[in-house]
Amino acid sequence: MSRKGFRKIQTVSEAVTAAGNRAFRRYGFSRRDIILRWPDIVGSALAECSLPERLTFPGAEKHGGSLYIRVQGSMALELQHFEPVVIDRINCYYGYRAVAKLIYRHGPVPLRRRKVRPSPPDLTDSQKKHLEGQLKGVKTSALHQALYRLGSEVISVKKPEETKSQQRFTRRGLGSRMPE
């Protein structure tokens, strides 16, 4: 029985990574990681105003290439001052001398989404007391802090209980609501 055309089953992440790498190879990047990790490589300040476009190599060699970078506004001069550091960081990232020079192109750079941490939930005094009472037996401080954060998130989802309006006693015994 011949098994021509038989392929191994791939996970979705493997298929997407392979397709993405093929698309990025068209622009000279051996992997798409340099674009995704650009803020980690050059720093957040330079990454906000620059974006790698393509990487070209002389001939069939895979080292000593030129990295084309789109730079916004006057930051090209700033990036040019840091060129030796940026090239060194890129080469350290790749693990070999992949880039020998940077070529700058002026143009708009899309805004990067910043990760914003949500603020801690606001708890009422009664909610804080209840949570502290629940965590009274926890001895480890790190575990106590982690459980407190988790508990505050869970409790904050629940709305604090509203106080019930009290009824006044009247002579007729029917009662009437107190004005709020």
N, C-alpha and C. Protein backbone atom coordinates (compact mmCIF):
# COMPACT_ATOMS: atom_id res chain seq x y z
N MET A 1 0.83 -1.17 0.00
CA MET A 1 0.00 0.00 0.00
C MET A 1 0.88 1.25 0.00
N SER A 2 0.76 2.08 -0.97
CA SER A 2 1.57 3.28 -1.09
C SER A 2 0.92 4.43 -0.34
N ARG A 3 1.72 5.22 0.31
CA ARG A 3 1.19 6.35 1.08
C ARG A 3 1.64 7.67 0.47
N LYS A 4 1.57 7.80 -0.81
CA LYS A 4 1.92 9.07 -1.44
C LYS A 4 0.87 10.10 -1.10
N GLY A 5 1.31 11.29 -0.81
CA GLY A 5 0.39 12.37 -0.50
C GLY A 5 -0.10 12.36 0.94
N PHE A 6 0.39 11.44 1.76
CA PHE A 6 -0.02 11.37 3.16
C PHE A 6 0.70 12.47 3.93
N ARG A 7 -0.07 13.26 4.67
CA ARG A 7 0.51 14.35 5.45
C ARG A 7 0.19 14.16 6.92
N LYS A 8 1.08 14.64 7.74
CA LYS A 8 0.88 14.60 9.17
C LYS A 8 -0.18 15.64 9.55
N ILE A 9 -1.02 15.31 10.51
CA ILE A 9 -2.03 16.25 10.97
C ILE A 9 -1.33 17.35 11.76
N GLN A 10 -1.68 18.61 11.43
CA GLN A 10 -1.06 19.76 12.08
C GLN A 10 -2.06 20.44 13.00
N THR A 11 -1.54 21.05 14.02
CA THR A 11 -2.40 21.89 14.84
C THR A 11 -2.60 23.21 14.11
N VAL A 12 -3.60 23.95 14.55
CA VAL A 12 -3.88 25.23 13.90
C VAL A 12 -2.70 26.19 14.07
N SER A 13 -2.09 26.18 15.25
CA SER A 13 -0.97 27.11 15.48
C SER A 13 0.22 26.79 14.57
N GLU A 14 0.47 25.50 14.33
CA GLU A 14 1.57 25.13 13.42
C GLU A 14 1.28 25.58 12.00
N ALA A 15 0.04 25.40 11.56
CA ALA A 15 -0.33 25.79 10.20
C ALA A 15 -0.26 27.30 10.02
N VAL A 16 -0.73 28.06 11.00
CA VAL A 16 -0.70 29.51 10.91
C VAL A 16 0.74 30.02 10.95
N THR A 17 1.56 29.43 11.82
CA THR A 17 2.97 29.84 11.89
C THR A 17 3.69 29.57 10.57
N ALA A 18 3.44 28.39 9.97
CA ALA A 18 4.08 28.06 8.70
C ALA A 18 3.63 29.01 7.59
N ALA A 19 2.34 29.31 7.55
CA ALA A 19 1.83 30.22 6.52
C ALA A 19 2.38 31.63 6.74
N GLY A 20 2.43 32.07 8.00
CA GLY A 20 2.98 33.39 8.29
C GLY A 20 4.44 33.48 7.93
N ASN A 21 5.21 32.43 8.23
CA ASN A 21 6.63 32.44 7.90
C ASN A 21 6.85 32.47 6.39
N ARG A 22 6.02 31.76 5.62
CA ARG A 22 6.14 31.80 4.16
C ARG A 22 5.86 33.21 3.64
N ALA A 23 4.85 33.86 4.21
CA ALA A 23 4.52 35.22 3.78
C ALA A 23 5.63 36.20 4.13
N PHE A 24 6.22 36.06 5.29
CA PHE A 24 7.29 36.97 5.70
C PHE A 24 8.58 36.69 4.96
N ARG A 25 8.80 35.44 4.50
CA ARG A 25 9.99 35.11 3.74
C ARG A 25 10.03 35.89 2.42
N ARG A 26 8.85 36.23 1.91
CA ARG A 26 8.78 37.02 0.69
C ARG A 26 9.48 38.37 0.86
N TYR A 27 9.47 38.89 2.10
CA TYR A 27 10.09 40.17 2.37
C TYR A 27 11.49 40.02 2.94
N GLY A 28 12.03 38.82 2.90
CA GLY A 28 13.41 38.60 3.32
C GLY A 28 13.56 38.19 4.76
N PHE A 29 12.49 38.13 5.52
CA PHE A 29 12.60 37.72 6.92
C PHE A 29 12.52 36.20 6.98
N SER A 30 13.51 35.60 7.64
CA SER A 30 13.48 34.15 7.75
C SER A 30 12.39 33.72 8.71
N ARG A 31 12.06 34.59 9.66
CA ARG A 31 10.98 34.32 10.59
C ARG A 31 10.21 35.61 10.81
N ARG A 32 8.99 35.47 11.26
CA ARG A 32 8.19 36.66 11.51
C ARG A 32 8.47 37.26 12.87
N ASP A 33 9.29 36.59 13.65
CA ASP A 33 9.55 37.01 15.02
C ASP A 33 10.19 38.38 15.13
N ILE A 34 11.01 38.77 14.16
CA ILE A 34 11.68 40.07 14.27
C ILE A 34 10.67 41.21 14.26
N ILE A 35 9.59 41.05 13.50
CA ILE A 35 8.56 42.09 13.48
C ILE A 35 7.76 42.06 14.78
N LEU A 36 7.44 40.86 15.24
CA LEU A 36 6.67 40.74 16.47
C LEU A 36 7.48 41.16 17.69
N ARG A 37 8.77 40.90 17.67
CA ARG A 37 9.64 41.20 18.81
C ARG A 37 10.41 42.52 18.65
N TRP A 38 10.04 43.32 17.68
CA TRP A 38 10.75 44.57 17.42
C TRP A 38 10.84 45.46 18.66
N PRO A 39 9.76 45.63 19.45
CA PRO A 39 9.90 46.45 20.66
C PRO A 39 10.89 45.87 21.66
N ASP A 40 10.99 44.55 21.74
CA ASP A 40 11.95 43.93 22.65
C ASP A 40 13.39 44.10 22.15
N ILE A 41 13.57 44.13 20.85
CA ILE A 41 14.91 44.22 20.27
C ILE A 41 15.46 45.64 20.38
N VAL A 42 14.70 46.64 19.94
CA VAL A 42 15.22 48.01 19.90
C VAL A 42 14.75 48.87 21.06
N GLY A 43 13.79 48.40 21.83
CA GLY A 43 13.26 49.20 22.93
C GLY A 43 11.94 49.85 22.53
N SER A 44 11.13 50.13 23.51
CA SER A 44 9.78 50.64 23.22
C SER A 44 9.79 52.03 22.60
N ALA A 45 10.74 52.88 22.99
CA ALA A 45 10.78 54.25 22.45
C ALA A 45 11.07 54.25 20.96
N LEU A 46 12.05 53.46 20.52
CA LEU A 46 12.38 53.40 19.09
C LEU A 46 11.36 52.58 18.31
N ALA A 47 10.73 51.61 18.95
CA ALA A 47 9.76 50.77 18.26
C ALA A 47 8.48 51.52 17.93
N GLU A 48 8.15 52.57 18.71
CA GLU A 48 6.94 53.34 18.44
C GLU A 48 7.05 54.14 17.14
N CYS A 49 8.27 54.45 16.72
CA CYS A 49 8.44 55.30 15.55
C CYS A 49 9.16 54.58 14.41
N SER A 50 9.36 53.27 14.52
CA SER A 50 10.05 52.54 13.46
C SER A 50 9.45 51.15 13.30
N LEU A 51 9.64 50.58 12.11
CA LEU A 51 9.11 49.26 11.81
C LEU A 51 9.98 48.61 10.74
N PRO A 52 10.48 47.38 10.97
CA PRO A 52 11.27 46.73 9.92
C PRO A 52 10.40 46.33 8.74
N GLU A 53 10.87 46.62 7.52
CA GLU A 53 10.08 46.31 6.33
C GLU A 53 10.56 45.04 5.63
N ARG A 54 11.85 44.95 5.38
CA ARG A 54 12.37 43.75 4.72
C ARG A 54 13.86 43.62 5.00
N LEU A 55 14.33 42.40 4.76
CA LEU A 55 15.73 42.09 4.98
C LEU A 55 16.26 41.45 3.71
N THR A 56 17.29 42.09 3.13
CA THR A 56 17.87 41.55 1.89
C THR A 56 19.31 41.13 2.16
N PHE A 57 19.70 40.07 1.46
CA PHE A 57 21.06 39.53 1.60
C PHE A 57 21.77 39.62 0.26
N PRO A 58 23.09 39.86 0.28
CA PRO A 58 23.84 39.90 -0.98
C PRO A 58 24.05 38.48 -1.51
N GLY A 59 23.55 38.22 -2.69
CA GLY A 59 23.72 36.90 -3.30
C GLY A 59 22.95 35.83 -2.57
N ALA A 60 23.53 34.64 -2.50
CA ALA A 60 22.86 33.51 -1.85
C ALA A 60 23.24 33.39 -0.39
N GLU A 61 24.07 34.31 0.10
CA GLU A 61 24.51 34.25 1.48
C GLU A 61 23.37 34.65 2.42
N LYS A 62 23.40 34.18 3.64
CA LYS A 62 22.39 34.52 4.63
C LYS A 62 22.98 35.31 5.79
N HIS A 63 24.01 36.10 5.51
CA HIS A 63 24.58 36.97 6.53
C HIS A 63 25.05 38.26 5.87
N GLY A 64 25.21 39.30 6.69
CA GLY A 64 25.66 40.59 6.17
C GLY A 64 24.61 41.30 5.34
N GLY A 65 23.36 41.14 5.71
CA GLY A 65 22.27 41.73 4.93
C GLY A 65 21.98 43.17 5.30
N SER A 66 21.02 43.72 4.56
CA SER A 66 20.57 45.09 4.80
C SER A 66 19.13 45.03 5.29
N LEU A 67 18.86 45.70 6.40
CA LEU A 67 17.52 45.74 6.95
C LEU A 67 16.90 47.08 6.61
N TYR A 68 15.79 47.05 5.89
CA TYR A 68 15.06 48.26 5.54
C TYR A 68 14.08 48.56 6.67
N ILE A 69 14.16 49.78 7.19
CA ILE A 69 13.32 50.18 8.31
C ILE A 69 12.52 51.41 7.93
N ARG A 70 11.22 51.35 8.14
CA ARG A 70 10.37 52.53 7.94
C ARG A 70 10.42 53.35 9.22
N VAL A 71 10.76 54.64 9.08
CA VAL A 71 10.93 55.51 10.24
C VAL A 71 10.02 56.71 10.09
N GLN A 72 9.44 57.10 11.19
CA GLN A 72 8.50 58.21 11.19
C GLN A 72 9.19 59.50 11.58
N GLY A 73 8.99 60.53 10.79
CA GLY A 73 9.47 61.87 11.11
C GLY A 73 10.98 61.98 11.25
N SER A 74 11.37 62.75 12.25
CA SER A 74 12.79 63.03 12.44
C SER A 74 13.49 61.96 13.27
N MET A 75 12.83 60.87 13.55
CA MET A 75 13.44 59.82 14.36
C MET A 75 14.51 59.04 13.58
N ALA A 76 14.59 59.26 12.27
CA ALA A 76 15.64 58.59 11.49
C ALA A 76 17.02 59.01 11.98
N LEU A 77 17.17 60.27 12.31
CA LEU A 77 18.45 60.75 12.82
C LEU A 77 18.76 60.11 14.17
N GLU A 78 17.75 60.02 15.01
CA GLU A 78 17.94 59.37 16.32
C GLU A 78 18.32 57.90 16.15
N LEU A 79 17.63 57.21 15.25
CA LEU A 79 17.91 55.80 15.01
C LEU A 79 19.29 55.63 14.38
N GLN A 80 19.70 56.60 13.59
CA GLN A 80 21.03 56.54 12.97
C GLN A 80 22.13 56.64 14.03
N HIS A 81 21.88 57.42 15.06
CA HIS A 81 22.87 57.51 16.15
C HIS A 81 23.00 56.18 16.89
N PHE A 82 21.90 55.45 17.00
CA PHE A 82 21.90 54.17 17.71
C PHE A 82 22.13 52.98 16.78
N GLU A 83 22.52 53.23 15.53
CA GLU A 83 22.65 52.16 14.54
C GLU A 83 23.57 51.02 14.98
N PRO A 84 24.76 51.27 15.52
CA PRO A 84 25.60 50.14 15.94
C PRO A 84 24.94 49.29 17.04
N VAL A 85 24.25 49.94 17.94
CA VAL A 85 23.58 49.22 19.02
C VAL A 85 22.42 48.39 18.47
N VAL A 86 21.64 48.99 17.57
CA VAL A 86 20.49 48.29 16.99
C VAL A 86 20.96 47.09 16.18
N ILE A 87 22.00 47.26 15.37
CA ILE A 87 22.53 46.14 14.58
C ILE A 87 23.02 45.03 15.49
N ASP A 88 23.71 45.41 16.56
CA ASP A 88 24.20 44.41 17.51
C ASP A 88 23.05 43.66 18.17
N ARG A 89 21.99 44.37 18.53
CA ARG A 89 20.84 43.71 19.16
C ARG A 89 20.12 42.78 18.20
N ILE A 90 20.00 43.20 16.94
CA ILE A 90 19.35 42.34 15.94
C ILE A 90 20.18 41.08 15.72
N ASN A 91 21.49 41.24 15.59
CA ASN A 91 22.36 40.08 15.39
C ASN A 91 22.36 39.15 16.61
N CYS A 92 22.29 39.72 17.79
CA CYS A 92 22.18 38.89 19.00
C CYS A 92 20.86 38.12 18.99
N TYR A 93 19.81 38.76 18.50
CA TYR A 93 18.51 38.10 18.44
C TYR A 93 18.55 36.92 17.48
N TYR A 94 19.14 37.13 16.30
CA TYR A 94 19.23 36.05 15.30
C TYR A 94 20.28 35.01 15.69
N GLY A 95 21.32 35.42 16.41
CA GLY A 95 22.35 34.48 16.81
C GLY A 95 23.53 34.43 15.86
N TYR A 96 23.53 35.23 14.84
CA TYR A 96 24.65 35.34 13.91
C TYR A 96 24.59 36.72 13.26
N ARG A 97 25.63 37.08 12.48
CA ARG A 97 25.66 38.41 11.85
C ARG A 97 24.72 38.46 10.65
N ALA A 98 23.44 38.56 10.93
CA ALA A 98 22.44 38.60 9.87
C ALA A 98 22.38 39.98 9.21
N VAL A 99 22.57 41.03 9.98
CA VAL A 99 22.42 42.40 9.48
C VAL A 99 23.75 43.13 9.57
N ALA A 100 24.14 43.76 8.46
CA ALA A 100 25.37 44.55 8.44
C ALA A 100 25.07 46.04 8.41
N LYS A 101 23.94 46.43 7.81
CA LYS A 101 23.61 47.86 7.76
C LYS A 101 22.10 48.05 7.77
N LEU A 102 21.72 49.26 8.15
CA LEU A 102 20.31 49.64 8.18
C LEU A 102 20.06 50.68 7.10
N ILE A 103 18.94 50.54 6.42
CA ILE A 103 18.55 51.51 5.40
C ILE A 103 17.20 52.08 5.83
N TYR A 104 17.14 53.40 5.92
CA TYR A 104 15.96 54.07 6.46
C TYR A 104 15.07 54.57 5.35
N ARG A 105 13.78 54.41 5.55
CA ARG A 105 12.78 54.96 4.64
C ARG A 105 11.78 55.75 5.48
N HIS A 106 11.51 56.96 5.08
CA HIS A 106 10.56 57.78 5.81
C HIS A 106 9.14 57.39 5.43
N GLY A 107 8.29 57.33 6.43
CA GLY A 107 6.89 57.01 6.18
C GLY A 107 6.14 56.83 7.49
N PRO A 108 4.82 56.75 7.41
CA PRO A 108 4.04 56.57 8.63
C PRO A 108 4.21 55.17 9.20
N VAL A 109 4.22 55.11 10.51
CA VAL A 109 4.34 53.85 11.22
C VAL A 109 3.03 53.61 11.95
N PRO A 110 2.42 52.44 11.77
CA PRO A 110 1.14 52.20 12.48
C PRO A 110 1.36 52.19 13.99
N LEU A 111 0.35 52.67 14.69
CA LEU A 111 0.42 52.70 16.15
C LEU A 111 0.36 51.29 16.72
N ARG A 112 1.17 51.05 17.71
CA ARG A 112 1.15 49.76 18.39
C ARG A 112 0.18 49.85 19.56
N ARG A 113 -0.54 48.76 19.77
CA ARG A 113 -1.45 48.72 20.92
C ARG A 113 -0.63 48.48 22.18
N ARG A 114 -0.90 49.28 23.16
CA ARG A 114 -0.22 49.13 24.43
C ARG A 114 -1.08 48.27 25.34
N LYS A 115 -0.42 47.44 26.09
CA LYS A 115 -1.13 46.61 27.04
C LYS A 115 -1.45 47.45 28.26
N VAL A 116 -2.72 47.57 28.55
CA VAL A 116 -3.16 48.36 29.68
C VAL A 116 -3.68 47.42 30.76
N ARG A 117 -3.12 47.56 31.92
CA ARG A 117 -3.58 46.73 33.02
C ARG A 117 -4.80 47.39 33.66
N PRO A 118 -5.81 46.59 33.93
CA PRO A 118 -6.98 47.17 34.58
C PRO A 118 -6.67 47.55 36.02
N SER A 119 -7.34 48.58 36.50
CA SER A 119 -7.10 49.01 37.88
C SER A 119 -7.72 48.00 38.84
N PRO A 120 -7.15 47.88 40.02
CA PRO A 120 -7.71 46.93 40.98
C PRO A 120 -9.13 47.34 41.36
N PRO A 121 -9.98 46.37 41.65
CA PRO A 121 -11.37 46.69 41.95
C PRO A 121 -11.52 47.44 43.27
N ASP A 122 -12.52 48.31 43.32
CA ASP A 122 -12.82 49.03 44.55
C ASP A 122 -13.79 48.21 45.38
N LEU A 123 -13.40 47.93 46.59
CA LEU A 123 -14.23 47.15 47.49
C LEU A 123 -14.74 48.05 48.61
N THR A 124 -15.93 47.74 49.07
CA THR A 124 -16.46 48.47 50.23
C THR A 124 -15.78 47.94 51.48
N ASP A 125 -15.94 48.65 52.58
CA ASP A 125 -15.32 48.22 53.84
C ASP A 125 -15.85 46.86 54.27
N SER A 126 -17.14 46.63 54.09
CA SER A 126 -17.71 45.34 54.51
C SER A 126 -17.18 44.21 53.63
N GLN A 127 -16.97 44.47 52.35
CA GLN A 127 -16.40 43.45 51.47
C GLN A 127 -14.96 43.15 51.85
N LYS A 128 -14.19 44.17 52.19
CA LYS A 128 -12.81 43.97 52.62
C LYS A 128 -12.74 43.14 53.90
N LYS A 129 -13.62 43.46 54.88
CA LYS A 129 -13.65 42.71 56.13
C LYS A 129 -14.02 41.25 55.89
N HIS A 130 -15.01 41.04 55.03
CA HIS A 130 -15.45 39.67 54.72
C HIS A 130 -14.30 38.89 54.07
N LEU A 131 -13.61 39.51 53.13
CA LEU A 131 -12.50 38.84 52.44
C LEU A 131 -11.35 38.54 53.40
N GLU A 132 -11.02 39.50 54.27
CA GLU A 132 -9.96 39.28 55.26
C GLU A 132 -10.35 38.15 56.22
N GLY A 133 -11.61 38.08 56.58
CA GLY A 133 -12.08 37.00 57.44
C GLY A 133 -11.95 35.64 56.77
N GLN A 134 -12.21 35.57 55.48
CA GLN A 134 -12.08 34.32 54.75
C GLN A 134 -10.62 33.87 54.64
N LEU A 135 -9.70 34.83 54.60
CA LEU A 135 -8.28 34.52 54.40
C LEU A 135 -7.49 34.53 55.71
N LYS A 136 -8.17 34.52 56.84
CA LYS A 136 -7.50 34.61 58.13
C LYS A 136 -6.53 33.46 58.38
N GLY A 137 -6.83 32.27 57.91
CA GLY A 137 -6.00 31.11 58.18
C GLY A 137 -4.80 30.95 57.27
N VAL A 138 -4.65 31.77 56.24
CA VAL A 138 -3.54 31.64 55.30
C VAL A 138 -2.29 32.25 55.91
N LYS A 139 -1.24 31.47 56.02
CA LYS A 139 -0.02 31.90 56.70
C LYS A 139 1.00 32.53 55.74
N THR A 140 1.12 31.99 54.52
CA THR A 140 2.12 32.48 53.55
C THR A 140 1.65 33.81 52.98
N SER A 141 2.53 34.82 53.03
CA SER A 141 2.14 36.16 52.59
C SER A 141 1.89 36.22 51.08
N ALA A 142 2.73 35.53 50.30
CA ALA A 142 2.54 35.55 48.84
C ALA A 142 1.22 34.90 48.45
N LEU A 143 0.90 33.79 49.11
CA LEU A 143 -0.37 33.12 48.84
C LEU A 143 -1.53 33.99 49.30
N HIS A 144 -1.37 34.65 50.45
CA HIS A 144 -2.42 35.53 50.96
C HIS A 144 -2.70 36.66 49.99
N GLN A 145 -1.64 37.28 49.45
CA GLN A 145 -1.82 38.38 48.50
C GLN A 145 -2.49 37.91 47.21
N ALA A 146 -2.08 36.73 46.73
CA ALA A 146 -2.67 36.20 45.50
C ALA A 146 -4.15 35.88 45.70
N LEU A 147 -4.46 35.26 46.82
CA LEU A 147 -5.87 34.93 47.10
C LEU A 147 -6.69 36.19 47.35
N TYR A 148 -6.09 37.21 47.95
CA TYR A 148 -6.80 38.47 48.17
C TYR A 148 -7.14 39.13 46.84
N ARG A 149 -6.16 39.14 45.90
CA ARG A 149 -6.43 39.73 44.57
C ARG A 149 -7.53 38.96 43.86
N LEU A 150 -7.46 37.63 43.92
CA LEU A 150 -8.49 36.80 43.28
C LEU A 150 -9.85 37.03 43.92
N GLY A 151 -9.86 37.04 45.24
CA GLY A 151 -11.12 37.26 45.94
C GLY A 151 -11.72 38.61 45.67
N SER A 152 -10.88 39.65 45.58
CA SER A 152 -11.39 40.99 45.31
C SER A 152 -11.98 41.07 43.90
N GLU A 153 -11.39 40.35 42.95
CA GLU A 153 -11.96 40.31 41.60
C GLU A 153 -13.32 39.62 41.61
N VAL A 154 -13.42 38.51 42.35
CA VAL A 154 -14.67 37.76 42.39
C VAL A 154 -15.75 38.56 43.11
N ILE A 155 -15.40 39.17 44.23
CA ILE A 155 -16.38 39.93 45.01
C ILE A 155 -16.81 41.17 44.25
N SER A 156 -15.90 41.82 43.53
CA SER A 156 -16.25 43.06 42.83
C SER A 156 -17.24 42.81 41.71
N VAL A 157 -17.28 41.58 41.20
CA VAL A 157 -18.27 41.26 40.17
C VAL A 157 -19.67 41.32 40.77
N LYS A 158 -19.79 40.84 42.00
CA LYS A 158 -21.06 40.92 42.70
C LYS A 158 -21.25 42.35 43.17
N LYS A 159 -22.44 42.86 43.00
CA LYS A 159 -22.73 44.20 43.48
C LYS A 159 -22.93 44.14 44.99
N PRO A 160 -22.54 45.17 45.72
CA PRO A 160 -22.76 45.16 47.15
C PRO A 160 -24.26 45.14 47.45
N GLU A 161 -24.60 44.44 48.50
CA GLU A 161 -26.00 44.32 48.85
C GLU A 161 -26.55 45.68 49.26
N GLU A 162 -27.74 45.97 48.77
CA GLU A 162 -28.38 47.23 49.14
C GLU A 162 -29.08 47.02 50.47
N THR A 163 -29.05 48.04 51.29
CA THR A 163 -29.76 47.94 52.57
C THR A 163 -31.25 48.02 52.31
N LYS A 164 -31.98 47.18 53.03
CA LYS A 164 -33.43 47.16 52.86
C LYS A 164 -34.01 48.32 53.65
N SER A 165 -35.02 48.91 53.08
CA SER A 165 -35.65 50.02 53.80
C SER A 165 -36.43 49.45 54.98
N GLN A 166 -36.36 50.13 56.08
CA GLN A 166 -37.01 49.67 57.30
C GLN A 166 -38.44 50.19 57.35
N GLN A 167 -39.30 49.40 57.98
CA GLN A 167 -40.67 49.85 58.17
C GLN A 167 -40.82 50.34 59.60
N ARG A 168 -41.54 51.44 59.73
CA ARG A 168 -41.81 51.97 61.06
C ARG A 168 -43.05 51.31 61.63
N PHE A 169 -43.07 51.20 62.92
CA PHE A 169 -44.24 50.67 63.59
C PHE A 169 -45.23 51.80 63.78
N THR A 170 -46.46 51.54 63.45
CA THR A 170 -47.52 52.53 63.66
C THR A 170 -48.55 51.95 64.61
N ARG A 171 -49.44 52.77 65.11
CA ARG A 171 -50.47 52.32 66.05
C ARG A 171 -51.40 51.31 65.41
N ARG A 172 -51.66 51.44 64.15
CA ARG A 172 -52.58 50.53 63.49
C ARG A 172 -51.92 49.21 63.12
N GLY A 173 -50.57 49.13 63.22
CA GLY A 173 -49.85 47.89 62.96
C GLY A 173 -49.57 47.62 61.50
N LEU A 174 -49.96 48.49 60.58
CA LEU A 174 -49.73 48.25 59.17
C LEU A 174 -48.31 48.61 58.76
N GLY A 175 -47.72 49.56 59.45
CA GLY A 175 -46.37 49.97 59.10
C GLY A 175 -46.34 50.91 57.91
N SER A 176 -45.38 51.71 57.82
CA SER A 176 -45.21 52.60 56.67
C SER A 176 -43.72 52.71 56.38
N ARG A 177 -43.40 52.96 55.16
CA ARG A 177 -41.99 53.05 54.76
C ARG A 177 -41.40 54.36 55.23
N MET A 178 -40.14 54.25 55.64
CA MET A 178 -39.44 55.48 56.02
C MET A 178 -38.97 56.18 54.75
N PRO A 179 -39.01 57.47 54.73
CA PRO A 179 -38.51 58.17 53.55
C PRO A 179 -37.01 57.94 53.39
N GLU A 180 -36.60 57.80 52.18
CA GLU A 180 -35.18 57.51 51.90
C GLU A 180 -34.42 58.74 51.61
